[in-house]
Amino acid sequence: MSETVVRIRKSPGGIDSNNDPIPSSVERTAMRVKAVSPGVSKRNSGVARNGETIEYTLYFTPAPDLTNDDEIEVRGLVCKARVLDWRSAFGTGRRGLEVLAVTSRG
């Protein structure tokens, strides 16, 4: 059983070659996640910085198009994505992503 989360990718505006303004955009994409774990694992407990709380740890396999510049909506809560690459320790070549859903308070 898997869960659906939403990737929020913001593209800044700018100016095109004719000096005309380009509006910014927000793209929302539904993504299937293998597992959602509340909080953070012991292995990643030191990753949070001052004023940050890791609300969820998400596990994706295979690795989707997700970057540290994206936000992710998990169970109605919008968080920053902190992406950690994961490779199988058994030499199988399998790859996935471990994504920390981080909120900032402060």
Protein backbone atom coordinates (compact mmCIF):
# COMPACT_ATOMS: atom_id res chain seq x y z
CA MET A 1 0.00 0.00 0.00
CA SER A 2 1.31 3.45 -0.84
CA GLU A 3 0.33 7.03 -0.22
CA THR A 4 0.08 10.08 -2.47
CA VAL A 5 1.95 13.32 -1.73
CA VAL A 6 2.16 16.50 -3.81
CA ARG A 7 5.39 18.00 -5.16
CA ILE A 8 5.20 21.81 -5.36
CA ARG A 9 7.72 23.28 -7.78
CA LYS A 10 7.96 27.05 -8.09
CA SER A 11 9.48 28.58 -11.21
CA PRO A 12 10.51 32.21 -10.82
CA GLY A 13 9.51 34.75 -13.42
CA GLY A 14 11.95 36.91 -15.25
CA ILE A 15 12.41 38.74 -18.51
CA ASP A 16 12.48 37.15 -21.96
CA SER A 17 14.75 38.11 -24.87
CA ASN A 18 12.38 41.00 -25.79
CA ASN A 19 12.51 42.39 -22.23
CA ASP A 20 8.92 41.30 -21.68
CA PRO A 21 8.07 39.98 -18.20
CA ILE A 22 7.68 36.24 -17.74
CA PRO A 23 5.25 35.40 -14.91
CA SER A 24 6.26 33.00 -12.18
CA SER A 25 4.46 29.69 -11.98
CA VAL A 26 3.68 26.96 -9.46
CA GLU A 27 3.40 23.36 -10.61
CA ARG A 28 1.67 20.81 -8.36
CA THR A 29 2.33 17.15 -9.18
CA ALA A 30 0.91 14.14 -7.35
CA MET A 31 3.54 11.50 -6.54
CA ARG A 32 3.25 7.99 -5.13
CA VAL A 33 5.46 7.34 -2.13
CA LYS A 34 6.35 3.85 -0.86
CA ALA A 35 6.18 4.83 2.80
CA VAL A 36 5.65 7.84 5.08
CA SER A 37 7.24 7.75 8.49
CA PRO A 38 6.42 10.36 11.13
CA GLY A 39 9.41 12.35 12.36
CA VAL A 40 12.99 11.38 11.65
CA SER A 41 15.02 8.19 11.96
CA LYS A 42 17.87 7.93 14.47
CA ARG A 43 20.35 7.88 11.58
CA ASN A 44 19.13 11.30 10.35
CA SER A 45 18.36 12.94 13.69
CA GLY A 46 21.28 15.36 13.42
CA VAL A 47 20.27 16.66 9.98
CA ALA A 48 17.75 19.25 11.21
CA ARG A 49 19.16 22.72 11.63
CA ASN A 50 18.26 25.34 14.23
CA GLY A 51 14.60 26.26 14.00
CA GLU A 52 13.75 23.30 11.77
CA THR A 53 11.61 20.30 12.54
CA ILE A 54 11.56 17.15 10.43
CA GLU A 55 7.87 16.30 10.31
CA TYR A 56 7.99 13.22 8.04
CA THR A 57 10.47 10.95 6.31
CA LEU A 58 9.32 9.80 2.86
CA TYR A 59 10.67 6.80 0.97
CA PHE A 60 10.50 6.73 -2.85
CA THR A 61 11.55 3.90 -5.11
CA PRO A 62 12.39 4.32 -7.93
CA ALA A 63 13.81 7.81 -7.44
CA PRO A 64 11.42 10.50 -8.76
CA ASP A 65 12.17 14.01 -10.08
CA LEU A 66 12.48 15.80 -6.75
CA THR A 67 15.05 18.40 -5.66
CA ASN A 68 15.95 20.38 -2.55
CA ASP A 69 14.34 23.45 -4.18
CA ASP A 70 10.90 21.78 -4.14
CA GLU A 71 8.25 21.77 -1.45
CA ILE A 72 6.19 18.72 -0.65
CA GLU A 73 2.67 18.48 0.76
CA VAL A 74 2.27 15.53 3.09
CA ARG A 75 -1.11 14.88 4.72
CA GLY A 76 -2.12 18.52 4.20
CA LEU A 77 1.12 20.00 5.59
CA VAL A 78 3.41 21.89 3.17
CA CYS A 79 7.09 21.31 3.94
CA LYS A 80 10.48 21.93 2.35
CA ALA A 81 12.01 18.85 0.75
CA ARG A 82 15.47 17.73 1.84
CA VAL A 83 16.51 14.97 -0.56
CA LEU A 84 18.89 12.16 0.45
CA ASP A 85 20.05 9.68 -2.21
CA TRP A 86 19.69 6.02 -1.30
CA ARG A 87 21.50 3.09 -2.89
CA SER A 88 21.17 -0.55 -2.01
CA ALA A 89 23.89 -1.81 0.32
CA PHE A 90 23.62 -5.23 -1.34
CA GLY A 91 25.11 -4.18 -4.67
CA THR A 92 21.88 -4.72 -6.59
CA GLY A 93 21.98 -1.29 -8.21
CA ARG A 94 18.56 -0.36 -6.84
CA ARG A 95 18.19 3.33 -6.09
CA GLY A 96 15.62 5.39 -4.32
CA LEU A 97 15.20 8.62 -2.42
CA GLU A 98 14.76 9.29 1.24
CA VAL A 99 13.13 12.70 1.55
CA LEU A 100 12.89 14.65 4.79
CA ALA A 101 9.81 16.89 4.98
CA VAL A 102 11.06 19.89 6.97
CA THR A 103 9.15 22.80 8.50
CA SER A 104 10.79 25.97 9.76
CA ARG A 105 9.72 27.73 12.89
CA GLY A 106 11.35 30.58 14.46
